[in-house]
Amino acid sequence: MAVLGRKHWYRYDSDDMKSYRIRTLDYLAEAAGMELNDAFPELPRGYEPRYVWVEELEPKDRRPIRKKLVVAERQSKRLQSGTKVEVAGIKMRVRGCFGEVRKGAASNDNKLAVVRVELLK
């Protein structure tokens, strides 16, 4: 599957209830049903978007092709495990679903904690 494609910015609705833009290949975004939009800020560093693995249904004398599709909407019913989807003309099935992950400093959303310290004499 030597599909070459261009990358564009697509809308991604994060679990923190904000919308961001994410750059992905056009044919993968089309298969995932993503909306072309570059008006939002870029997905912050440390965020890993939710995604699904899809696997080819009928491989021909080789290992099945696997692709990773970013799922743009929270609570998407369209790409549940076992669902069939077409990617670049190849029939595939969703094999695994993974949620959004926030790593490092971005996970606290820059909230400051107020700490009260009493000094005893």
PDB file of N, CA and C in Angstrom:
ATOM      1  N   MET A   1       0.847  -1.174   0.000  1.00  0.00           N
ATOM      2  CA  MET A   1       0.000   0.000   0.000  1.00  0.00           C
ATOM      3  C   MET A   1       0.885   1.227   0.000  1.00  0.00           C
ATOM      4  N   ALA A   2       1.287   1.631  -1.134  1.00  0.00           N
ATOM      5  CA  ALA A   2       2.141   2.807  -1.272  1.00  0.00           C
ATOM      6  C   ALA A   2       1.293   4.022  -1.602  1.00  0.00           C
ATOM      7  N   VAL A   3       0.484   4.441  -0.651  1.00  0.00           N
ATOM      8  CA  VAL A   3      -0.370   5.602  -0.858  1.00  0.00           C
ATOM      9  C   VAL A   3       0.371   6.821  -0.340  1.00  0.00           C
ATOM     10  N   LEU A   4       0.676   7.712  -1.242  1.00  0.00           N
ATOM     11  CA  LEU A   4       1.308   8.958  -0.846  1.00  0.00           C
ATOM     12  C   LEU A   4       0.230  10.016  -0.743  1.00  0.00           C
ATOM     13  N   GLY A   5       0.351  10.850   0.223  1.00  0.00           N
ATOM     14  CA  GLY A   5      -0.677  11.871   0.386  1.00  0.00           C
ATOM     15  C   GLY A   5      -0.101  13.128   0.994  1.00  0.00           C
ATOM     16  N   ARG A   6      -0.921  14.133   1.000  1.00  0.00           N
ATOM     17  CA  ARG A   6      -0.531  15.404   1.580  1.00  0.00           C
ATOM     18  C   ARG A   6      -1.087  15.491   2.992  1.00  0.00           C
ATOM     19  N   LYS A   7      -0.449  16.317   3.789  1.00  0.00           N
ATOM     20  CA  LYS A   7      -0.915  16.556   5.153  1.00  0.00           C
ATOM     21  C   LYS A   7      -1.553  17.931   5.234  1.00  0.00           C
ATOM     22  N   HIS A   8      -2.643  17.996   5.993  1.00  0.00           N
ATOM     23  CA  HIS A   8      -3.310  19.264   6.274  1.00  0.00           C
ATOM     24  C   HIS A   8      -3.707  19.286   7.743  1.00  0.00           C
ATOM     25  N   TRP A   9      -4.177  20.454   8.195  1.00  0.00           N
ATOM     26  CA  TRP A   9      -4.635  20.609   9.575  1.00  0.00           C
ATOM     27  C   TRP A   9      -6.102  20.217   9.679  1.00  0.00           C
ATOM     28  N   TYR A  10      -6.436  19.432  10.705  1.00  0.00           N
ATOM     29  CA  TYR A  10      -7.802  18.987  10.946  1.00  0.00           C
ATOM     30  C   TYR A  10      -8.191  19.282  12.386  1.00  0.00           C
ATOM     31  N   ARG A  11      -9.490  19.454  12.596  1.00  0.00           N
ATOM     32  CA  ARG A  11     -10.026  19.751  13.931  1.00  0.00           C
ATOM     33  C   ARG A  11      -9.986  18.498  14.794  1.00  0.00           C
ATOM     34  N   TYR A  12      -9.573  18.692  16.057  1.00  0.00           N
ATOM     35  CA  TYR A  12      -9.533  17.608  17.034  1.00  0.00           C
ATOM     36  C   TYR A  12     -10.167  18.120  18.319  1.00  0.00           C
ATOM     37  N   ASP A  13     -11.218  17.453  18.798  1.00  0.00           N
ATOM     38  CA  ASP A  13     -11.889  17.828  20.047  1.00  0.00           C
ATOM     39  C   ASP A  13     -11.280  17.022  21.181  1.00  0.00           C
ATOM     40  N   SER A  14     -10.576  17.702  22.073  1.00  0.00           N
ATOM     41  CA  SER A  14      -9.845  17.049  23.154  1.00  0.00           C
ATOM     42  C   SER A  14     -10.767  16.692  24.310  1.00  0.00           C
ATOM     43  N   ASP A  15     -10.280  15.815  25.183  1.00  0.00           N
ATOM     44  CA  ASP A  15     -11.031  15.435  26.376  1.00  0.00           C
ATOM     45  C   ASP A  15     -11.100  16.573  27.392  1.00  0.00           C
ATOM     46  N   ASP A  16     -10.291  17.628  27.218  1.00  0.00           N
ATOM     47  CA  ASP A  16     -10.351  18.777  28.122  1.00  0.00           C
ATOM     48  C   ASP A  16     -11.402  19.794  27.668  1.00  0.00           C
ATOM     49  N   MET A  17     -12.278  19.359  26.744  1.00  0.00           N
ATOM     50  CA  MET A  17     -13.409  20.153  26.244  1.00  0.00           C
ATOM     51  C   MET A  17     -12.979  21.344  25.387  1.00  0.00           C
ATOM     52  N   LYS A  18     -11.783  21.307  24.824  1.00  0.00           N
ATOM     53  CA  LYS A  18     -11.300  22.352  23.928  1.00  0.00           C
ATOM     54  C   LYS A  18     -11.056  21.742  22.557  1.00  0.00           C
ATOM     55  N   SER A  19     -11.088  22.587  21.538  1.00  0.00           N
ATOM     56  CA  SER A  19     -10.792  22.135  20.175  1.00  0.00           C
ATOM     57  C   SER A  19      -9.402  22.591  19.789  1.00  0.00           C
ATOM     58  N   TYR A  20      -8.688  21.697  19.120  1.00  0.00           N
ATOM     59  CA  TYR A  20      -7.332  21.972  18.646  1.00  0.00           C
ATOM     60  C   TYR A  20      -7.240  21.563  17.192  1.00  0.00           C
ATOM     61  N   ARG A  21      -6.100  21.878  16.580  1.00  0.00           N
ATOM     62  CA  ARG A  21      -5.848  21.388  15.229  1.00  0.00           C
ATOM     63  C   ARG A  21      -4.732  20.353  15.308  1.00  0.00           C
ATOM     64  N   ILE A  22      -4.821  19.378  14.406  1.00  0.00           N
ATOM     65  CA  ILE A  22      -3.826  18.316  14.362  1.00  0.00           C
ATOM     66  C   ILE A  22      -3.500  18.056  12.900  1.00  0.00           C
ATOM     67  N   ARG A  23      -2.236  17.831  12.595  1.00  0.00           N
ATOM     68  CA  ARG A  23      -1.794  17.626  11.213  1.00  0.00           C
ATOM     69  C   ARG A  23      -1.734  16.132  10.919  1.00  0.00           C
ATOM     70  N   THR A  24      -2.439  15.717   9.871  1.00  0.00           N
ATOM     71  CA  THR A  24      -2.464  14.303   9.499  1.00  0.00           C
ATOM     72  C   THR A  24      -2.628  14.157   7.995  1.00  0.00           C
ATOM     73  N   LEU A  25      -2.358  12.963   7.503  1.00  0.00           N
ATOM     74  CA  LEU A  25      -2.514  12.679   6.075  1.00  0.00           C
ATOM     75  C   LEU A  25      -3.978  12.766   5.672  1.00  0.00           C
ATOM     76  N   ASP A  26      -4.232  13.325   4.492  1.00  0.00           N
ATOM     77  CA  ASP A  26      -5.598  13.542   4.031  1.00  0.00           C
ATOM     78  C   ASP A  26      -6.413  12.247   3.931  1.00  0.00           C
ATOM     79  N   TYR A  27      -5.827  11.175   3.398  1.00  0.00           N
ATOM     80  CA  TYR A  27      -6.614   9.956   3.221  1.00  0.00           C
ATOM     81  C   TYR A  27      -6.936   9.285   4.560  1.00  0.00           C
ATOM     82  N   LEU A  28      -6.083   9.457   5.570  1.00  0.00           N
ATOM     83  CA  LEU A  28      -6.386   8.921   6.900  1.00  0.00           C
ATOM     84  C   LEU A  28      -7.452   9.770   7.593  1.00  0.00           C
ATOM     85  N   ALA A  29      -7.382  11.077   7.411  1.00  0.00           N
ATOM     86  CA  ALA A  29      -8.388  11.974   7.994  1.00  0.00           C
ATOM     87  C   ALA A  29      -9.757  11.728   7.371  1.00  0.00           C
ATOM     88  N   GLU A  30      -9.791  11.487   6.067  1.00  0.00           N
ATOM     89  CA  GLU A  30     -11.054  11.204   5.380  1.00  0.00           C
ATOM     90  C   GLU A  30     -11.679   9.914   5.920  1.00  0.00           C
ATOM     91  N   ALA A  31     -10.865   8.889   6.115  1.00  0.00           N
ATOM     92  CA  ALA A  31     -11.375   7.617   6.635  1.00  0.00           C
ATOM     93  C   ALA A  31     -11.908   7.757   8.057  1.00  0.00           C
ATOM     94  N   ALA A  32     -11.291   8.649   8.842  1.00  0.00           N
ATOM     95  CA  ALA A  32     -11.713   8.856  10.226  1.00  0.00           C
ATOM     96  C   ALA A  32     -12.848   9.866  10.341  1.00  0.00           C
ATOM     97  N   GLY A  33     -13.204  10.537   9.240  1.00  0.00           N
ATOM     98  CA  GLY A  33     -14.292  11.513   9.255  1.00  0.00           C
ATOM     99  C   GLY A  33     -13.918  12.827   9.913  1.00  0.00           C
ATOM    100  N   MET A  34     -12.661  13.238   9.780  1.00  0.00           N
ATOM    101  CA  MET A  34     -12.207  14.483  10.404  1.00  0.00           C
ATOM    102  C   MET A  34     -12.591  15.694   9.556  1.00  0.00           C
ATOM    103  N   GLU A  35     -12.708  16.843  10.223  1.00  0.00           N
ATOM    104  CA  GLU A  35     -13.097  18.099   9.581  1.00  0.00           C
ATOM    105  C   GLU A  35     -11.863  18.957   9.304  1.00  0.00           C
ATOM    106  N   LEU A  36     -11.683  19.360   8.053  1.00  0.00           N
ATOM    107  CA  LEU A  36     -10.564  20.212   7.654  1.00  0.00           C
ATOM    108  C   LEU A  36     -10.748  21.583   8.299  1.00  0.00           C
ATOM    109  N   ASN A  37      -9.771  22.003   9.146  1.00  0.00           N
ATOM    110  CA  ASN A  37      -9.907  23.269   9.848  1.00  0.00           C
ATOM    111  C   ASN A  37      -8.567  23.639  10.468  1.00  0.00           C
ATOM    112  N   ASP A  38      -8.076  24.832  10.173  1.00  0.00           N
ATOM    113  CA  ASP A  38      -6.806  25.265  10.759  1.00  0.00           C
ATOM    114  C   ASP A  38      -6.965  26.512  11.628  1.00  0.00           C
ATOM    115  N   ALA A  39      -8.193  26.802  12.063  1.00  0.00           N
ATOM    116  CA  ALA A  39      -8.458  28.007  12.836  1.00  0.00           C
ATOM    117  C   ALA A  39      -8.155  27.842  14.329  1.00  0.00           C
ATOM    118  N   PHE A  40      -7.966  26.626  14.793  1.00  0.00           N
ATOM    119  CA  PHE A  40      -7.748  26.377  16.217  1.00  0.00           C
ATOM    120  C   PHE A  40      -6.255  26.326  16.533  1.00  0.00           C
ATOM    121  N   PRO A  41      -5.887  26.459  17.823  1.00  0.00           N
ATOM    122  CA  PRO A  41      -4.474  26.325  18.180  1.00  0.00           C
ATOM    123  C   PRO A  41      -4.008  24.881  18.000  1.00  0.00           C
ATOM    124  N   GLU A  42      -2.718  24.716  17.845  1.00  0.00           N
ATOM    125  CA  GLU A  42      -2.149  23.381  17.666  1.00  0.00           C
ATOM    126  C   GLU A  42      -2.281  22.565  18.958  1.00  0.00           C
ATOM    127  N   LEU A  43      -2.433  21.254  18.815  1.00  0.00           N
ATOM    128  CA  LEU A  43      -2.525  20.356  19.968  1.00  0.00           C
ATOM    129  C   LEU A  43      -1.285  20.557  20.842  1.00  0.00           C
ATOM    130  N   PRO A  44      -1.466  20.852  22.145  1.00  0.00           N
ATOM    131  CA  PRO A  44      -0.322  21.150  23.010  1.00  0.00           C
ATOM    132  C   PRO A  44       0.671  19.992  23.116  1.00  0.00           C
ATOM    133  N   ARG A  45       1.909  20.355  23.377  1.00  0.00           N
ATOM    134  CA  ARG A  45       2.944  19.362  23.601  1.00  0.00           C
ATOM    135  C   ARG A  45       2.574  18.494  24.795  1.00  0.00           C
ATOM    136  N   GLY A  46       2.815  17.226  24.706  1.00  0.00           N
ATOM    137  CA  GLY A  46       2.493  16.322  25.802  1.00  0.00           C
ATOM    138  C   GLY A  46       1.151  15.641  25.643  1.00  0.00           C
ATOM    139  N   TYR A  47       0.328  16.103  24.699  1.00  0.00           N
ATOM    140  CA  TYR A  47      -0.956  15.456  24.435  1.00  0.00           C
ATOM    141  C   TYR A  47      -0.746  14.397  23.363  1.00  0.00           C
ATOM    142  N   GLU A  48      -1.280  13.216  23.574  1.00  0.00           N
ATOM    143  CA  GLU A  48      -1.317  12.196  22.529  1.00  0.00           C
ATOM    144  C   GLU A  48      -2.789  11.952  22.223  1.00  0.00           C
ATOM    145  N   PRO A  49      -3.223  12.215  20.983  1.00  0.00           N
ATOM    146  CA  PRO A  49      -4.652  12.132  20.673  1.00  0.00           C
ATOM    147  C   PRO A  49      -5.192  10.703  20.734  1.00  0.00           C
ATOM    148  N   ARG A  50      -6.508  10.596  20.919  1.00  0.00           N
ATOM    149  CA  ARG A  50      -7.143   9.262  20.889  1.00  0.00           C
ATOM    150  C   ARG A  50      -7.058   8.731  19.468  1.00  0.00           C
ATOM    151  N   TYR A  51      -6.952   7.407  19.340  1.00  0.00           N
ATOM    152  CA  TYR A  51      -6.792   6.814  18.013  1.00  0.00           C
ATOM    153  C   TYR A  51      -7.293   5.380  17.998  1.00  0.00           C
ATOM    154  N   VAL A  52      -7.446   4.843  16.809  1.00  0.00           N
ATOM    155  CA  VAL A  52      -7.801   3.433  16.621  1.00  0.00           C
ATOM    156  C   VAL A  52      -6.819   2.808  15.641  1.00  0.00           C
ATOM    157  N   TRP A  53      -6.558   1.522  15.812  1.00  0.00           N
ATOM    158  CA  TRP A  53      -5.788   0.758  14.826  1.00  0.00           C
ATOM    159  C   TRP A  53      -6.766   0.067  13.912  1.00  0.00           C
ATOM    160  N   VAL A  54      -6.555   0.150  12.611  1.00  0.00           N
ATOM    161  CA  VAL A  54      -7.369  -0.588  11.647  1.00  0.00           C
ATOM    162  C   VAL A  54      -6.470  -1.581  10.925  1.00  0.00           C
ATOM    163  N   GLU A  55      -7.053  -2.725  10.577  1.00  0.00           N
ATOM    164  CA  GLU A  55      -6.303  -3.800   9.940  1.00  0.00           C
ATOM    165  C   GLU A  55      -7.056  -4.290   8.711  1.00  0.00           C
ATOM    166  N   GLU A  56      -6.318  -4.583   7.669  1.00  0.00           N
ATOM    167  CA  GLU A  56      -6.889  -5.055   6.403  1.00  0.00           C
ATOM    168  C   GLU A  56      -7.703  -6.325   6.628  1.00  0.00           C
ATOM    169  N   LEU A  57      -8.890  -6.399   5.985  1.00  0.00           N
ATOM    170  CA  LEU A  57      -9.769  -7.559   6.142  1.00  0.00           C
ATOM    171  C   LEU A  57      -9.282  -8.789   5.372  1.00  0.00           C
ATOM    172  N   GLU A  58      -8.841  -8.599   4.146  1.00  0.00           N
ATOM    173  CA  GLU A  58      -8.488  -9.720   3.281  1.00  0.00           C
ATOM    174  C   GLU A  58      -7.075  -9.558   2.715  1.00  0.00           C
ATOM    175  N   PRO A  59      -6.047  -9.861   3.514  1.00  0.00           N
ATOM    176  CA  PRO A  59      -4.681  -9.744   2.986  1.00  0.00           C
ATOM    177  C   PRO A  59      -4.411 -10.821   1.941  1.00  0.00           C
ATOM    178  N   LYS A  60      -3.614 -10.483   0.951  1.00  0.00           N
ATOM    179  CA  LYS A  60      -3.316 -11.419  -0.137  1.00  0.00           C
ATOM    180  C   LYS A  60      -1.890 -11.927   0.011  1.00  0.00           C
ATOM    181  N   ASP A  61      -1.732 -13.121   0.617  1.00  0.00           N
ATOM    182  CA  ASP A  61      -0.428 -13.789   0.772  1.00  0.00           C
ATOM    183  C   ASP A  61       0.625 -12.930   1.466  1.00  0.00           C
ATOM    184  N   ARG A  62       0.213 -12.178   2.462  1.00  0.00           N
ATOM    185  CA  ARG A  62       1.151 -11.349   3.230  1.00  0.00           C
ATOM    186  C   ARG A  62       0.489 -10.958   4.550  1.00  0.00           C
ATOM    187  N   ARG A  63       1.257 -10.293   5.375  1.00  0.00           N
ATOM    188  CA  ARG A  63       0.680  -9.790   6.619  1.00  0.00           C
ATOM    189  C   ARG A  63      -0.325  -8.689   6.309  1.00  0.00           C
ATOM    190  N   PRO A  64      -1.384  -8.567   7.104  1.00  0.00           N
ATOM    191  CA  PRO A  64      -2.368  -7.505   6.846  1.00  0.00           C
ATOM    192  C   PRO A  64      -1.789  -6.113   7.069  1.00  0.00           C
ATOM    193  N   ILE A  65      -2.240  -5.173   6.262  1.00  0.00           N
ATOM    194  CA  ILE A  65      -1.839  -3.771   6.388  1.00  0.00           C
ATOM    195  C   ILE A  65      -2.511  -3.202   7.633  1.00  0.00           C
ATOM    196  N   ARG A  66      -1.760  -2.423   8.414  1.00  0.00           N
ATOM    197  CA  ARG A  66      -2.307  -1.765   9.605  1.00  0.00           C
ATOM    198  C   ARG A  66      -2.077  -0.264   9.486  1.00  0.00           C
ATOM    199  N   LYS A  67      -3.063   0.514   9.913  1.00  0.00           N
ATOM    200  CA  LYS A  67      -2.964   1.977   9.911  1.00  0.00           C
ATOM    201  C   LYS A  67      -3.510   2.519  11.233  1.00  0.00           C
ATOM    202  N   LYS A  68      -2.994   3.656  11.633  1.00  0.00           N
ATOM    203  CA  LYS A  68      -3.434   4.322  12.853  1.00  0.00           C
ATOM    204  C   LYS A  68      -4.281   5.529  12.461  1.00  0.00           C
ATOM    205  N   LEU A  69      -5.546   5.560  12.897  1.00  0.00           N
ATOM    206  CA  LEU A  69      -6.457   6.672  12.590  1.00  0.00           C
ATOM    207  C   LEU A  69      -6.723   7.475  13.850  1.00  0.00           C
ATOM    208  N   VAL A  70      -6.513   8.780  13.793  1.00  0.00           N
ATOM    209  CA  VAL A  70      -6.843   9.667  14.909  1.00  0.00           C
ATOM    210  C   VAL A  70      -8.354   9.873  14.910  1.00  0.00           C
ATOM    211  N   VAL A  71      -8.970   9.734  16.081  1.00  0.00           N
ATOM    212  CA  VAL A  71     -10.419   9.921  16.217  1.00  0.00           C
ATOM    213  C   VAL A  71     -10.657  11.324  16.746  1.00  0.00           C
ATOM    214  N   ALA A  72     -11.283  12.161  15.932  1.00  0.00           N
ATOM    215  CA  ALA A  72     -11.416  13.582  16.253  1.00  0.00           C
ATOM    216  C   ALA A  72     -12.459  13.883  17.326  1.00  0.00           C
ATOM    217  N   GLU A  73     -13.572  13.176  17.336  1.00  0.00           N
ATOM    218  CA  GLU A  73     -14.656  13.517  18.255  1.00  0.00           C
ATOM    219  C   GLU A  73     -14.599  12.655  19.513  1.00  0.00           C
ATOM    220  N   ARG A  74     -14.945  13.291  20.634  1.00  0.00           N
ATOM    221  CA  ARG A  74     -15.099  12.536  21.872  1.00  0.00           C
ATOM    222  C   ARG A  74     -16.312  11.620  21.710  1.00  0.00           C
ATOM    223  N   GLN A  75     -16.267  10.451  22.298  1.00  0.00           N
ATOM    224  CA  GLN A  75     -17.396   9.508  22.302  1.00  0.00           C
ATOM    225  C   GLN A  75     -17.845   9.136  20.897  1.00  0.00           C
ATOM    226  N   SER A  76     -16.902   8.924  19.987  1.00  0.00           N
ATOM    227  CA  SER A  76     -17.242   8.590  18.599  1.00  0.00           C
ATOM    228  C   SER A  76     -17.790   7.171  18.498  1.00  0.00           C
ATOM    229  N   LYS A  77     -18.984   7.033  17.971  1.00  0.00           N
ATOM    230  CA  LYS A  77     -19.611   5.718  17.795  1.00  0.00           C
ATOM    231  C   LYS A  77     -19.225   5.116  16.451  1.00  0.00           C
ATOM    232  N   ARG A  78     -18.707   5.942  15.554  1.00  0.00           N
ATOM    233  CA  ARG A  78     -18.412   5.496  14.196  1.00  0.00           C
ATOM    234  C   ARG A  78     -17.240   4.523  14.126  1.00  0.00           C
ATOM    235  N   LEU A  79     -16.255   4.698  14.997  1.00  0.00           N
ATOM    236  CA  LEU A  79     -15.046   3.876  14.937  1.00  0.00           C
ATOM    237  C   LEU A  79     -14.873   3.054  16.217  1.00  0.00           C
ATOM    238  N   GLN A  80     -15.822   2.193  16.501  1.00  0.00           N
ATOM    239  CA  GLN A  80     -15.752   1.286  17.643  1.00  0.00           C
ATOM    240  C   GLN A  80     -15.046   0.002  17.221  1.00  0.00           C
ATOM    241  N   SER A  81     -14.571  -0.767  18.167  1.00  0.00           N
ATOM    242  CA  SER A  81     -13.867  -2.013  17.872  1.00  0.00           C
ATOM    243  C   SER A  81     -14.754  -2.963  17.064  1.00  0.00           C
ATOM    244  N   GLY A  82     -14.208  -3.506  15.979  1.00  0.00           N
ATOM    245  CA  GLY A  82     -14.947  -4.419  15.109  1.00  0.00           C
ATOM    246  C   GLY A  82     -15.634  -3.754  13.932  1.00  0.00           C
ATOM    247  N   THR A  83     -15.749  -2.432  13.937  1.00  0.00           N
ATOM    248  CA  THR A  83     -16.395  -1.694  12.855  1.00  0.00           C
ATOM    249  C   THR A  83     -15.569  -1.789  11.579  1.00  0.00           C
ATOM    250  N   LYS A  84     -16.247  -1.878  10.442  1.00  0.00           N
ATOM    251  CA  LYS A  84     -15.554  -1.912   9.156  1.00  0.00           C
ATOM    252  C   LYS A  84     -15.488  -0.510   8.578  1.00  0.00           C
ATOM    253  N   VAL A  85     -14.333  -0.192   7.983  1.00  0.00           N
ATOM    254  CA  VAL A  85     -14.098   1.137   7.410  1.00  0.00           C
ATOM    255  C   VAL A  85     -13.220   0.966   6.172  1.00  0.00           C
ATOM    256  N   GLU A  86     -13.344   1.888   5.224  1.00  0.00           N
ATOM    257  CA  GLU A  86     -12.525   1.830   4.018  1.00  0.00           C
ATOM    258  C   GLU A  86     -11.459   2.923   4.079  1.00  0.00           C
ATOM    259  N   VAL A  87     -10.202   2.514   3.914  1.00  0.00           N
ATOM    260  CA  VAL A  87      -9.075   3.448   3.949  1.00  0.00           C
ATOM    261  C   VAL A  87      -8.344   3.343   2.617  1.00  0.00           C
ATOM    262  N   ALA A  88      -8.342   4.416   1.856  1.00  0.00           N
ATOM    263  CA  ALA A  88      -7.667   4.472   0.549  1.00  0.00           C
ATOM    264  C   ALA A  88      -8.085   3.311  -0.350  1.00  0.00           C
ATOM    265  N   GLY A  89      -9.368   2.967  -0.332  1.00  0.00           N
ATOM    266  CA  GLY A  89      -9.892   1.916  -1.196  1.00  0.00           C
ATOM    267  C   GLY A  89      -9.705   0.502  -0.673  1.00  0.00           C
ATOM    268  N   ILE A  90      -9.152   0.345   0.520  1.00  0.00           N
ATOM    269  CA  ILE A  90      -8.925  -0.981   1.107  1.00  0.00           C
ATOM    270  C   ILE A  90      -9.888  -1.177   2.271  1.00  0.00           C
ATOM    271  N   LYS A  91     -10.596  -2.307   2.270  1.00  0.00           N
ATOM    272  CA  LYS A  91     -11.538  -2.603   3.351  1.00  0.00           C
ATOM    273  C   LYS A  91     -10.762  -3.048   4.584  1.00  0.00           C
ATOM    274  N   MET A  92     -11.061  -2.376   5.709  1.00  0.00           N
ATOM    275  CA  MET A  92     -10.345  -2.636   6.953  1.00  0.00           C
ATOM    276  C   MET A  92     -11.317  -2.736   8.113  1.00  0.00           C
ATOM    277  N   ARG A  93     -10.840  -3.298   9.229  1.00  0.00           N
ATOM    278  CA  ARG A  93     -11.649  -3.440  10.443  1.00  0.00           C
ATOM    279  C   ARG A  93     -10.898  -2.803  11.607  1.00  0.00           C
ATOM    280  N   VAL A  94     -11.640  -2.118  12.488  1.00  0.00           N
ATOM    281  CA  VAL A  94     -11.049  -1.508  13.683  1.00  0.00           C
ATOM    282  C   VAL A  94     -10.661  -2.624  14.639  1.00  0.00           C
ATOM    283  N   ARG A  95      -9.385  -2.640  15.052  1.00  0.00           N
ATOM    284  CA  ARG A  95      -8.857  -3.695  15.915  1.00  0.00           C
ATOM    285  C   ARG A  95      -8.590  -3.234  17.339  1.00  0.00           C
ATOM    286  N   GLY A  96      -8.377  -1.982  17.565  1.00  0.00           N
ATOM    287  CA  GLY A  96      -8.093  -1.507  18.915  1.00  0.00           C
ATOM    288  C   GLY A  96      -8.366  -0.027  19.045  1.00  0.00           C
ATOM    289  N   CYS A  97      -8.921   0.373  20.180  1.00  0.00           N
ATOM    290  CA  CYS A  97      -9.245   1.774  20.444  1.00  0.00           C
ATOM    291  C   CYS A  97      -8.427   2.251  21.643  1.00  0.00           C
ATOM    292  N   PHE A  98      -7.844   3.441  21.527  1.00  0.00           N
ATOM    293  CA  PHE A  98      -7.006   3.972  22.592  1.00  0.00           C
ATOM    294  C   PHE A  98      -7.406   5.413  22.884  1.00  0.00           C
ATOM    295  N   GLY A  99      -7.500   5.764  24.160  1.00  0.00           N
ATOM    296  CA  GLY A  99      -7.934   7.092  24.574  1.00  0.00           C
ATOM    297  C   GLY A  99      -6.811   8.113  24.564  1.00  0.00           C
ATOM    298  N   GLU A 100      -7.197   9.352  24.786  1.00  0.00           N
ATOM    299  CA  GLU A 100      -6.249  10.464  24.815  1.00  0.00           C
ATOM    300  C   GLU A 100      -5.365  10.372  26.056  1.00  0.00           C
ATOM    301  N   VAL A 101      -4.097  10.743  25.879  1.00  0.00           N
ATOM    302  CA  VAL A 101      -3.132  10.715  26.981  1.00  0.00           C
ATOM    303  C   VAL A 101      -2.452  12.078  27.056  1.00  0.00           C
ATOM    304  N   ARG A 102      -2.298  12.577  28.275  1.00  0.00           N
ATOM    305  CA  ARG A 102      -1.544  13.819  28.486  1.00  0.00           C
ATOM    306  C   ARG A 102      -0.336  13.486  29.341  1.00  0.00           C
ATOM    307  N   LYS A 103       0.840  13.850  28.848  1.00  0.00           N
ATOM    308  CA  LYS A 103       2.086  13.536  29.549  1.00  0.00           C
ATOM    309  C   LYS A 103       2.802  14.803  29.955  1.00  0.00           C
ATOM    310  N   GLY A 104       3.585  14.711  30.996  1.00  0.00           N
ATOM    311  CA  GLY A 104       4.471  15.801  31.386  1.00  0.00           C
ATOM    312  C   GLY A 104       3.771  17.033  31.899  1.00  0.00           C
ATOM    313  N   ALA A 105       4.363  18.191  31.638  1.00  0.00           N
ATOM    314  CA  ALA A 105       3.893  19.460  32.185  1.00  0.00           C
ATOM    315  C   ALA A 105       2.521  19.856  31.665  1.00  0.00           C
ATOM    316  N   ALA A 106       2.137  19.392  30.492  1.00  0.00           N
ATOM    317  CA  ALA A 106       0.843  19.797  29.927  1.00  0.00           C
ATOM    318  C   ALA A 106      -0.328  19.197  30.685  1.00  0.00           C
ATOM    319  N   SER A 107      -0.091  18.158  31.485  1.00  0.00           N
ATOM    320  CA  SER A 107      -1.200  17.478  32.148  1.00  0.00           C
ATOM    321  C   SER A 107      -1.848  18.316  33.248  1.00  0.00           C
ATOM    322  N   ASN A 108      -1.170  19.337  33.765  1.00  0.00           N
ATOM    323  CA  ASN A 108      -1.784  20.142  34.823  1.00  0.00           C
ATOM    324  C   ASN A 108      -2.489  21.378  34.283  1.00  0.00           C
ATOM    325  N   ASP A 109      -2.474  21.587  32.972  1.00  0.00           N
ATOM    326  CA  ASP A 109      -3.139  22.723  32.329  1.00  0.00           C
ATOM    327  C   ASP A 109      -2.733  24.064  32.937  1.00  0.00           C
ATOM    328  N   ASN A 110      -1.502  24.154  33.417  1.00  0.00           N
ATOM    329  CA  ASN A 110      -0.950  25.385  33.977  1.00  0.00           C
ATOM    330  C   ASN A 110      -1.749  25.944  35.150  1.00  0.00           C
ATOM    331  N   LYS A 111      -2.340  25.080  35.956  1.00  0.00           N
ATOM    332  CA  LYS A 111      -3.059  25.524  37.147  1.00  0.00           C
ATOM    333  C   LYS A 111      -2.058  25.678  38.282  1.00  0.00           C
ATOM    334  N   LEU A 112      -2.228  26.731  39.048  1.00  0.00           N
ATOM    335  CA  LEU A 112      -1.349  26.973  40.174  1.00  0.00           C
ATOM    336  C   LEU A 112      -2.047  26.556  41.457  1.00  0.00           C
ATOM    337  N   ALA A 113      -1.299  25.964  42.348  1.00  0.00           N
ATOM    338  CA  ALA A 113      -1.849  25.577  43.641  1.00  0.00           C
ATOM    339  C   ALA A 113      -1.523  26.671  44.653  1.00  0.00           C
ATOM    340  N   VAL A 114      -2.481  26.974  45.502  1.00  0.00           N
ATOM    341  CA  VAL A 114      -2.256  27.956  46.560  1.00  0.00           C
ATOM    342  C   VAL A 114      -1.903  27.172  47.811  1.00  0.00           C
ATOM    343  N   VAL A 115      -0.753  27.499  48.399  1.00  0.00           N
ATOM    344  CA  VAL A 115      -0.273  26.783  49.569  1.00  0.00           C
ATOM    345  C   VAL A 115      -0.144  27.783  50.716  1.00  0.00           C
ATOM    346  N   ARG A 116      -0.700  27.412  51.846  1.00  0.00           N
ATOM    347  CA  ARG A 116      -0.607  28.278  53.035  1.00  0.00           C
ATOM    348  C   ARG A 116       0.419  27.661  53.975  1.00  0.00           C
ATOM    349  N   VAL A 117       1.370  28.458  54.359  1.00  0.00           N
ATOM    350  CA  VAL A 117       2.430  27.972  55.250  1.00  0.00           C
ATOM    351  C   VAL A 117       2.398  28.809  56.516  1.00  0.00           C
ATOM    352  N   GLU A 118       2.361  28.141  57.656  1.00  0.00           N
ATOM    353  CA  GLU A 118       2.417  28.840  58.940  1.00  0.00           C
ATOM    354  C   GLU A 118       3.761  28.529  59.587  1.00  0.00           C
ATOM    355  N   LEU A 119       4.434  29.563  60.008  1.00  0.00           N
ATOM    356  CA  LEU A 119       5.709  29.386  60.678  1.00  0.00           C
ATOM    357  C   LEU A 119       5.509  29.477  62.189  1.00  0.00           C
ATOM    358  N   LEU A 120       6.004  28.486  62.884  1.00  0.00           N
ATOM    359  CA  LEU A 120       5.908  28.479  64.342  1.00  0.00           C
ATOM    360  C   LEU A 120       7.215  28.966  64.949  1.00  0.00           C
ATOM    361  N   LYS A 121       7.126  29.786  65.995  1.00  0.00           N
ATOM    362  CA  LYS A 121       8.329  30.289  66.645  1.00  0.00           C
ATOM    363  C   LYS A 121       8.550  29.601  67.949  1.00  0.00           C
TER     364      LYS A 121
END
